[in-house]
C-alpha atoms as a PDB file:
ATOM      1  CA  MET A   1       6.585 -19.864 -59.410  1.00  0.00           C
ATOM      2  CA  THR A   2       6.906 -22.302 -56.555  1.00  0.00           C
ATOM      3  CA  PRO A   3       3.820 -22.098 -54.344  1.00  0.00           C
ATOM      4  CA  ALA A   4       4.418 -20.588 -50.931  1.00  0.00           C
ATOM      5  CA  ARG A   5       4.792 -23.031 -48.086  1.00  0.00           C
ATOM      6  CA  GLN A   6       1.791 -22.731 -45.821  1.00  0.00           C
ATOM      7  CA  PRO A   7       2.629 -22.520 -42.121  1.00  0.00           C
ATOM      8  CA  ARG A   8       1.398 -25.387 -39.984  1.00  0.00           C
ATOM      9  CA  GLN A   9      -1.611 -24.708 -37.813  1.00  0.00           C
ATOM     10  CA  GLY A  10      -0.481 -23.855 -34.309  1.00  0.00           C
ATOM     11  CA  SER A  11       3.008 -22.871 -35.469  1.00  0.00           C
ATOM     12  CA  LEU A  12       2.266 -19.829 -37.591  1.00  0.00           C
ATOM     13  CA  PHE A  13       5.065 -17.956 -35.906  1.00  0.00           C
ATOM     14  CA  GLY A  14       8.533 -19.263 -35.207  1.00  0.00           C
ATOM     15  CA  PRO A  15       9.295 -20.685 -31.771  1.00  0.00           C
ATOM     16  CA  ASP A  16      10.903 -17.429 -30.625  1.00  0.00           C
ATOM     17  CA  LEU A  17       7.903 -15.305 -31.618  1.00  0.00           C
ATOM     18  CA  GLY A  18       5.878 -16.464 -28.639  1.00  0.00           C
ATOM     19  CA  HIS A  19       7.820 -14.000 -26.476  1.00  0.00           C
ATOM     20  CA  GLY A  20       8.028 -10.255 -26.920  1.00  0.00           C
ATOM     21  CA  SER A  21       5.765 -10.293 -29.979  1.00  0.00           C
ATOM     22  CA  GLY A  22       2.369  -9.898 -28.355  1.00  0.00           C
ATOM     23  CA  LEU A  23       1.526 -13.541 -29.006  1.00  0.00           C
ATOM     24  CA  ASP A  24       1.518 -14.399 -25.304  1.00  0.00           C
ATOM     25  CA  GLY A  25      -1.747 -12.506 -25.074  1.00  0.00           C
ATOM     26  CA  PRO A  26      -3.236  -9.351 -26.566  1.00  0.00           C
ATOM     27  CA  GLY A  27      -3.049  -7.418 -23.310  1.00  0.00           C
ATOM     28  CA  ARG A  28       0.546  -8.294 -22.485  1.00  0.00           C
ATOM     29  CA  ALA A  29       3.195  -5.734 -23.311  1.00  0.00           C
ATOM     30  CA  ALA A  30       5.897  -6.886 -25.659  1.00  0.00           C
ATOM     31  CA  ASP A  31       9.494  -7.000 -24.508  1.00  0.00           C
ATOM     32  CA  PRO A  32      11.456  -4.071 -25.882  1.00  0.00           C
ATOM     33  CA  ALA A  33      13.313  -4.857 -29.065  1.00  0.00           C
ATOM     34  CA  ARG A  34      17.064  -5.117 -28.726  1.00  0.00           C
ATOM     35  CA  PRO A  35      18.826  -2.260 -30.477  1.00  0.00           C
ATOM     36  CA  ALA A  36      20.758  -3.203 -33.561  1.00  0.00           C
ATOM     37  CA  ALA A  37      24.512  -2.850 -33.488  1.00  0.00           C
ATOM     38  CA  GLY A  38      25.358   0.670 -34.587  1.00  0.00           C
ATOM     39  CA  ALA A  39      22.115   2.474 -33.882  1.00  0.00           C
ATOM     40  CA  GLU A  40      23.098   5.270 -36.268  1.00  0.00           C
ATOM     41  CA  ALA A  41      22.946   2.880 -39.238  1.00  0.00           C
ATOM     42  CA  LEU A  42      19.769   0.841 -38.986  1.00  0.00           C
ATOM     43  CA  PRO A  43      19.631  -2.276 -41.128  1.00  0.00           C
ATOM     44  CA  LEU A  44      17.863  -1.629 -44.403  1.00  0.00           C
ATOM     45  CA  GLN A  45      15.164  -4.169 -43.575  1.00  0.00           C
ATOM     46  CA  GLN A  46      14.369  -2.456 -40.286  1.00  0.00           C
ATOM     47  CA  ARG A  47      14.112   0.923 -42.037  1.00  0.00           C
ATOM     48  CA  GLN A  48      11.818  -0.595 -44.639  1.00  0.00           C
ATOM     49  CA  LEU A  49       9.553  -2.133 -42.021  1.00  0.00           C
ATOM     50  CA  ARG A  50       9.415   1.028 -39.929  1.00  0.00           C
ATOM     51  CA  ASP A  51       8.671   3.146 -42.995  1.00  0.00           C
ATOM     52  CA  TRP A  52       5.961   0.731 -44.115  1.00  0.00           C
ATOM     53  CA  GLN A  53       4.310   0.731 -40.687  1.00  0.00           C
ATOM     54  CA  GLN A  54       4.502   4.504 -40.454  1.00  0.00           C
ATOM     55  CA  ARG A  55       2.860   4.934 -43.872  1.00  0.00           C
ATOM     56  CA  LEU A  56       0.043   2.666 -42.779  1.00  0.00           C
ATOM     57  CA  ALA A  57      -0.300   4.500 -39.454  1.00  0.00           C
ATOM     58  CA  ALA A  58      -0.490   7.862 -41.238  1.00  0.00           C
ATOM     59  CA  VAL A  59      -3.538   6.661 -43.197  1.00  0.00           C
ATOM     60  CA  GLN A  60      -5.282   4.859 -40.342  1.00  0.00           C
ATOM     61  CA  ALA A  61      -4.587   7.091 -37.323  1.00  0.00           C
ATOM     62  CA  PRO A  62      -7.275   9.666 -38.294  1.00  0.00           C
ATOM     63  CA  LEU A  63      -9.748   6.821 -38.835  1.00  0.00           C
ATOM     64  CA  PHE A  64      -9.087   5.386 -35.370  1.00  0.00           C
ATOM     65  CA  ALA A  65      -9.571   8.852 -33.882  1.00  0.00           C
ATOM     66  CA  ALA A  66     -12.821   9.367 -35.796  1.00  0.00           C
ATOM     67  CA  ALA A  67     -14.140   5.925 -34.845  1.00  0.00           C
ATOM     68  CA  ALA A  68     -13.397   6.537 -31.176  1.00  0.00           C
ATOM     69  CA  GLY A  69     -15.166   9.878 -31.364  1.00  0.00           C
ATOM     70  CA  ALA A  70     -18.228   8.352 -33.019  1.00  0.00           C
ATOM     71  CA  THR A  71     -18.444   5.676 -30.340  1.00  0.00           C
ATOM     72  CA  ASP A  72     -18.097   8.223 -27.519  1.00  0.00           C
ATOM     73  CA  ALA A  73     -20.626  10.651 -29.009  1.00  0.00           C
ATOM     74  CA  GLY A  74     -23.493   8.222 -29.457  1.00  0.00           C
ATOM     75  CA  PRO A  75     -25.665   6.716 -26.717  1.00  0.00           C
ATOM     76  CA  ALA A  76     -25.548   3.282 -28.339  1.00  0.00           C
ATOM     77  CA  SER A  77     -22.911   0.860 -27.156  1.00  0.00           C
ATOM     78  CA  GLN A  78     -20.537  -0.752 -29.639  1.00  0.00           C
ATOM     79  CA  GLY A  79     -22.470  -3.998 -29.404  1.00  0.00           C
ATOM     80  CA  SER A  80     -25.782  -2.386 -30.328  1.00  0.00           C
ATOM     81  CA  LEU A  81     -24.797   0.084 -33.033  1.00  0.00           C
ATOM     82  CA  TRP A  82     -26.302  -2.086 -35.746  1.00  0.00           C
ATOM     83  CA  SER A  83     -28.688  -4.456 -34.037  1.00  0.00           C
ATOM     84  CA  THR A  84     -29.655  -7.618 -35.854  1.00  0.00           C
ATOM     85  CA  GLY A  85     -32.127 -10.412 -35.376  1.00  0.00           C
ATOM     86  CA  SER A  86     -35.375  -8.513 -35.885  1.00  0.00           C
ATOM     87  CA  PRO A  87     -37.257  -8.638 -39.202  1.00  0.00           C
ATOM     88  CA  ALA A  88     -36.922  -4.861 -39.543  1.00  0.00           C
ATOM     89  CA  ALA A  89     -33.172  -4.937 -39.012  1.00  0.00           C
ATOM     90  CA  ASP A  90     -32.683  -7.860 -41.391  1.00  0.00           C
ATOM     91  CA  ALA A  91     -34.772  -6.103 -44.024  1.00  0.00           C
ATOM     92  CA  GLY A  92     -32.691  -2.957 -43.617  1.00  0.00           C
ATOM     93  CA  TRP A  93     -29.450  -4.895 -44.079  1.00  0.00           C
ATOM     94  CA  ALA A  94     -30.787  -6.621 -47.177  1.00  0.00           C
ATOM     95  CA  ALA A  95     -31.960  -3.346 -48.664  1.00  0.00           C
ATOM     96  CA  ALA A  96     -28.612  -1.628 -48.075  1.00  0.00           C
ATOM     97  CA  ALA A  97     -26.667  -4.506 -49.582  1.00  0.00           C
ATOM     98  CA  GLY A  98     -29.061  -5.021 -52.490  1.00  0.00           C
ATOM     99  CA  ARG A  99     -29.256  -1.486 -53.832  1.00  0.00           C
ATOM    100  CA  PRO A 100     -26.939  -0.504 -56.680  1.00  0.00           C
ATOM    101  CA  ALA A 101     -23.644   1.079 -55.686  1.00  0.00           C
ATOM    102  CA  GLY A 102     -23.839   4.817 -55.139  1.00  0.00           C
ATOM    103  CA  GLY A 103     -26.465   6.996 -53.551  1.00  0.00           C
ATOM    104  CA  GLY A 104     -28.250   5.687 -50.487  1.00  0.00           C
ATOM    105  CA  ALA A 105     -26.645   2.244 -50.495  1.00  0.00           C
ATOM    106  CA  THR A 106     -23.134   3.662 -50.407  1.00  0.00           C
ATOM    107  CA  ASP A 107     -24.110   6.240 -47.799  1.00  0.00           C
ATOM    108  CA  ASP A 108     -25.647   3.603 -45.533  1.00  0.00           C
ATOM    109  CA  LEU A 109     -22.689   1.244 -45.705  1.00  0.00           C
ATOM    110  CA  GLU A 110     -20.139   4.039 -45.266  1.00  0.00           C
ATOM    111  CA  ARG A 111     -22.044   5.340 -42.250  1.00  0.00           C
ATOM    112  CA  LEU A 112     -22.154   1.900 -40.688  1.00  0.00           C
ATOM    113  CA  ALA A 113     -18.468   1.276 -41.410  1.00  0.00           C
ATOM    114  CA  ALA A 114     -17.499   4.651 -39.942  1.00  0.00           C
ATOM    115  CA  GLY A 115     -19.390   3.904 -36.730  1.00  0.00           C
ATOM    116  CA  LEU A 116     -17.507   0.735 -35.863  1.00  0.00           C
ATOM    117  CA  ASP A 117     -14.416   1.181 -33.684  1.00  0.00           C
ATOM    118  CA  PRO A 118     -12.189  -1.939 -33.809  1.00  0.00           C
ATOM    119  CA  LEU A 119     -10.423  -0.860 -30.609  1.00  0.00           C
ATOM    120  CA  ALA A 120     -13.723  -0.953 -28.703  1.00  0.00           C
ATOM    121  CA  LEU A 121     -13.933  -4.708 -29.326  1.00  0.00           C
ATOM    122  CA  ALA A 122     -12.327  -7.223 -26.977  1.00  0.00           C
ATOM    123  CA  ALA A 123      -8.811  -8.202 -28.030  1.00  0.00           C
ATOM    124  CA  GLN A 124      -8.132 -11.929 -28.253  1.00  0.00           C
ATOM    125  CA  HIS A 125      -5.066 -14.075 -28.805  1.00  0.00           C
ATOM    126  CA  LEU A 126      -4.635 -15.307 -32.380  1.00  0.00           C
ATOM    127  CA  GLN A 127      -4.835 -18.851 -31.050  1.00  0.00           C
ATOM    128  CA  PHE A 128      -8.261 -18.230 -29.485  1.00  0.00           C
ATOM    129  CA  TRP A 129      -9.716 -21.213 -31.330  1.00  0.00           C
ATOM    130  CA  ARG A 130      -7.626 -23.546 -29.147  1.00  0.00           C
ATOM    131  CA  TRP A 131      -9.491 -22.496 -26.019  1.00  0.00           C
ATOM    132  CA  PRO A 132     -11.815 -25.145 -24.446  1.00  0.00           C
ATOM    133  CA  SER A 133     -14.899 -23.113 -25.341  1.00  0.00           C
ATOM    134  CA  ALA A 134     -15.147 -20.615 -28.169  1.00  0.00           C
ATOM    135  CA  PRO A 135     -15.575 -16.995 -26.982  1.00  0.00           C
ATOM    136  CA  GLN A 136     -17.849 -16.254 -29.957  1.00  0.00           C
ATOM    137  CA  ALA A 137     -19.940 -18.123 -32.517  1.00  0.00           C
ATOM    138  CA  GLY A 138     -22.156 -17.388 -35.487  1.00  0.00           C
ATOM    139  CA  ALA A 139     -21.928 -14.476 -37.890  1.00  0.00           C
ATOM    140  CA  ALA A 140     -19.233 -11.886 -37.242  1.00  0.00           C
ATOM    141  CA  LEU A 141     -16.842  -9.388 -38.721  1.00  0.00           C
ATOM    142  CA  TYR A 142     -13.299  -9.658 -37.419  1.00  0.00           C
ATOM    143  CA  PHE A 143     -10.238  -7.431 -37.305  1.00  0.00           C
ATOM    144  CA  VAL A 144      -6.558  -8.350 -36.978  1.00  0.00           C
ATOM    145  CA  LEU A 145      -4.474  -5.573 -35.424  1.00  0.00           C
ATOM    146  CA  ASP A 146      -0.930  -4.861 -34.363  1.00  0.00           C
ATOM    147  CA  ARG A 147       0.158  -2.261 -31.786  1.00  0.00           C
ATOM    148  CA  PRO A 148       3.920  -1.970 -32.356  1.00  0.00           C
ATOM    149  CA  PRO A 149       5.760  -0.790 -29.226  1.00  0.00           C
ATOM    150  CA  HIS A 150       8.217   1.221 -31.322  1.00  0.00           C
ATOM    151  CA  LEU A 151       5.259   3.224 -32.717  1.00  0.00           C
ATOM    152  CA  GLU A 152       4.102   3.995 -29.172  1.00  0.00           C
ATOM    153  CA  GLU A 153       1.432   1.310 -29.679  1.00  0.00           C
ATOM    154  CA  GLN A 154      -0.259   3.209 -32.506  1.00  0.00           C
ATOM    155  CA  PRO A 155      -2.744   0.592 -33.754  1.00  0.00           C
ATOM    156  CA  LEU A 156      -2.410  -0.835 -37.253  1.00  0.00           C
ATOM    157  CA  LEU A 157      -5.414  -2.590 -38.773  1.00  0.00           C
ATOM    158  CA  LEU A 158      -3.884  -5.365 -40.868  1.00  0.00           C
ATOM    159  CA  TYR A 159      -6.925  -7.360 -41.979  1.00  0.00           C
ATOM    160  CA  VAL A 160     -10.734  -7.233 -42.031  1.00  0.00           C
ATOM    161  CA  GLY A 161     -12.752 -10.399 -42.558  1.00  0.00           C
ATOM    162  CA  GLU A 162     -16.253 -11.811 -42.283  1.00  0.00           C
ATOM    163  CA  THR A 163     -17.561 -15.216 -41.312  1.00  0.00           C
ATOM    164  CA  GLY A 164     -20.758 -17.081 -40.627  1.00  0.00           C
ATOM    165  CA  GLN A 165     -18.965 -19.294 -38.081  1.00  0.00           C
ATOM    166  CA  ALA A 166     -16.823 -17.189 -35.795  1.00  0.00           C
ATOM    167  CA  ASP A 167     -15.782 -20.175 -33.710  1.00  0.00           C
ATOM    168  CA  ARG A 168     -14.357 -22.024 -36.734  1.00  0.00           C
ATOM    169  CA  ARG A 169     -13.168 -19.480 -39.309  1.00  0.00           C
ATOM    170  CA  TRP A 170      -9.610 -19.184 -38.006  1.00  0.00           C
ATOM    171  CA  LYS A 171      -8.964 -22.925 -37.568  1.00  0.00           C
ATOM    172  CA  GLY A 172      -8.108 -23.941 -41.112  1.00  0.00           C
ATOM    173  CA  GLU A 173      -5.965 -22.452 -43.834  1.00  0.00           C
ATOM    174  CA  HIS A 174      -6.318 -18.724 -44.319  1.00  0.00           C
ATOM    175  CA  ASP A 175      -4.385 -16.312 -46.538  1.00  0.00           C
ATOM    176  CA  CYS A 176      -4.102 -13.846 -43.684  1.00  0.00           C
ATOM    177  CA  LYS A 177      -2.230 -16.432 -41.611  1.00  0.00           C
ATOM    178  CA  SER A 178       0.496 -16.623 -44.247  1.00  0.00           C
ATOM    179  CA  TYR A 179       0.845 -12.847 -44.275  1.00  0.00           C
ATOM    180  CA  LEU A 180       0.927 -12.670 -40.491  1.00  0.00           C
ATOM    181  CA  ALA A 181       3.605 -15.361 -40.428  1.00  0.00           C
ATOM    182  CA  ALA A 182       5.743 -13.445 -42.937  1.00  0.00           C
ATOM    183  CA  TYR A 183       5.114 -10.188 -41.047  1.00  0.00           C
ATOM    184  CA  GLY A 184       6.113 -11.677 -37.707  1.00  0.00           C
ATOM    185  CA  GLU A 185       9.225 -13.322 -39.124  1.00  0.00           C
ATOM    186  CA  ALA A 186      10.316 -10.100 -40.836  1.00  0.00           C
ATOM    187  CA  LEU A 187       9.875  -8.114 -37.618  1.00  0.00           C
ATOM    188  CA  GLN A 188      11.825 -10.692 -35.655  1.00  0.00           C
ATOM    189  CA  ARG A 189      14.733 -10.594 -38.106  1.00  0.00           C
ATOM    190  CA  ALA A 190      14.744  -6.798 -37.883  1.00  0.00           C
ATOM    191  CA  GLN A 191      14.686  -6.924 -34.058  1.00  0.00           C
ATOM    192  CA  LEU A 192      11.276  -5.273 -33.875  1.00  0.00           C
ATOM    193  CA  SER A 193       8.394  -6.384 -31.666  1.00  0.00           C
ATOM    194  CA  CYS A 194       4.697  -6.710 -32.390  1.00  0.00           C
ATOM    195  CA  GLN A 195       1.503  -7.056 -30.359  1.00  0.00           C
ATOM    196  CA  LEU A 196      -0.997  -8.917 -32.519  1.00  0.00           C
ATOM    197  CA  SER A 197      -4.629  -9.513 -31.646  1.00  0.00           C
ATOM    198  CA  ILE A 198      -7.898 -10.483 -33.289  1.00  0.00           C
ATOM    199  CA  ARG A 199     -11.214  -8.839 -32.420  1.00  0.00           C
ATOM    200  CA  PHE A 200     -14.744  -9.948 -33.335  1.00  0.00           C
ATOM    201  CA  TRP A 201     -17.889  -7.909 -33.846  1.00  0.00           C
ATOM    202  CA  SER A 202     -20.700 -10.398 -33.336  1.00  0.00           C
ATOM    203  CA  ASP A 203     -23.655  -8.190 -34.300  1.00  0.00           C
ATOM    204  CA  ALA A 204     -22.945  -8.642 -38.005  1.00  0.00           C
ATOM    205  CA  PRO A 205     -25.940  -9.644 -40.174  1.00  0.00           C
ATOM    206  CA  ALA A 206     -26.507 -13.380 -40.472  1.00  0.00           C
ATOM    207  CA  ALA A 207     -27.151 -13.182 -44.224  1.00  0.00           C
ATOM    208  CA  VAL A 208     -24.025 -13.500 -46.352  1.00  0.00           C
ATOM    209  CA  LYS A 209     -24.714 -10.719 -48.874  1.00  0.00           C
ATOM    210  CA  PRO A 210     -25.161  -7.809 -46.437  1.00  0.00           C
ATOM    211  CA  ARG A 211     -22.339  -9.081 -44.233  1.00  0.00           C
ATOM    212  CA  ARG A 212     -19.918  -9.111 -47.163  1.00  0.00           C
ATOM    213  CA  ALA A 213     -21.144  -5.718 -48.325  1.00  0.00           C
ATOM    214  CA  LEU A 214     -20.261  -4.262 -44.932  1.00  0.00           C
ATOM    215  CA  GLU A 215     -16.915  -6.073 -44.971  1.00  0.00           C
ATOM    216  CA  GLN A 216     -16.106  -4.424 -48.315  1.00  0.00           C
ATOM    217  CA  ALA A 217     -17.120  -1.007 -46.988  1.00  0.00           C
ATOM    218  CA  LEU A 218     -14.749  -1.480 -44.055  1.00  0.00           C
ATOM    219  CA  ILE A 219     -11.919  -2.615 -46.341  1.00  0.00           C
ATOM    220  CA  GLN A 220     -12.339   0.436 -48.564  1.00  0.00           C
ATOM    221  CA  ARG A 221     -12.405   2.707 -45.522  1.00  0.00           C
ATOM    222  CA  TRP A 222      -9.411   1.285 -43.622  1.00  0.00           C
ATOM    223  CA  LEU A 223      -7.312  -0.069 -46.536  1.00  0.00           C
ATOM    224  CA  PRO A 224      -5.887  -2.956 -44.469  1.00  0.00           C
ATOM    225  CA  PRO A 225      -2.710  -4.238 -46.157  1.00  0.00           C
ATOM    226  CA  PHE A 226      -3.361  -7.984 -45.907  1.00  0.00           C
ATOM    227  CA  ASN A 227      -6.730  -7.947 -47.674  1.00  0.00           C
ATOM    228  CA  LYS A 228      -6.462  -8.910 -51.340  1.00  0.00           C
ATOM    229  CA  GLU A 229      -8.462  -5.841 -52.388  1.00  0.00           C
ATOM    230  CA  THR A 230      -5.829  -3.434 -51.027  1.00  0.00           C
ATOM    231  CA  ARG A 231      -2.668  -5.551 -50.882  1.00  0.00           C
ATOM    232  CA  ALA A 232      -1.065  -4.045 -53.991  1.00  0.00           C
ATOM    233  CA  ARG A 233      -1.399  -0.501 -52.628  1.00  0.00           C
ATOM    234  CA  TRP A 234       1.032  -1.125 -49.786  1.00  0.00           C
ATOM    235  CA  ALA A 235       3.813  -3.070 -51.604  1.00  0.00           C
ATOM    236  CA  THR A 236       4.754  -4.868 -48.421  1.00  0.00           C
ATOM    237  CA  PRO A 237       8.438  -5.790 -48.089  1.00  0.00           C
ATOM    238  CA  PHE A 238       7.587  -9.220 -46.657  1.00  0.00           C
ATOM    239  CA  THR A 239       4.710 -10.682 -48.726  1.00  0.00           C
ATOM    240  CA  ALA A 240       5.899 -10.607 -52.331  1.00  0.00           C
ATOM    241  CA  ASP A 241       6.952 -14.261 -52.280  1.00  0.00           C
ATOM    242  CA  LEU A 242       3.512 -15.309 -51.012  1.00  0.00           C
ATOM    243  CA  ASP A 243       1.508 -13.907 -53.939  1.00  0.00           C
END
């Protein structure tokens, strides 16, 4: 199979995708998609994309609601839910990540994953790394989301990742970039808009093992379609040629 062409850095999305796709900034509303000719008979590709997004929303909507409720109910702010930096906190992370799967280890990681609300984190442009100074650095978990206008901005969590260098992770090649490029191009062809953003949680543990353990707990909870662990579940109509 011919390897997929990797999009060039800085041009992940076609020249027309900078407008009406959410790529002008995470807080800017996308221009409404132009209706296809003959609204009664939507193009097959548009139906496929809408159906795919709606299936994903059906799974994730209750999780977003639960995460928002957990954040509102507790006195701790999102940035201090799982404090790090102290010997006690670091020891707790290491213990949770080091115990065998099941029992207390699973309970701890699931509890921590359930308490993190991606929407409570600041939304950033996907090209944040081009800014003069990085808005974050060091260890972090990060979330790539879309809020499609045609789904009344119901959030879709597309990818969960972890890094020890939040100011550098998104600069080079990344599998998720290829999937986002294919996603954006497919939406554009189907005359659908997107509002993409990336959000960082910077209180992640500095040690690699516990950070990745929490990343995996989040992936298994949210089932984001662009992570390799859950990609096959969603049978996306726009990524098959990238595998």
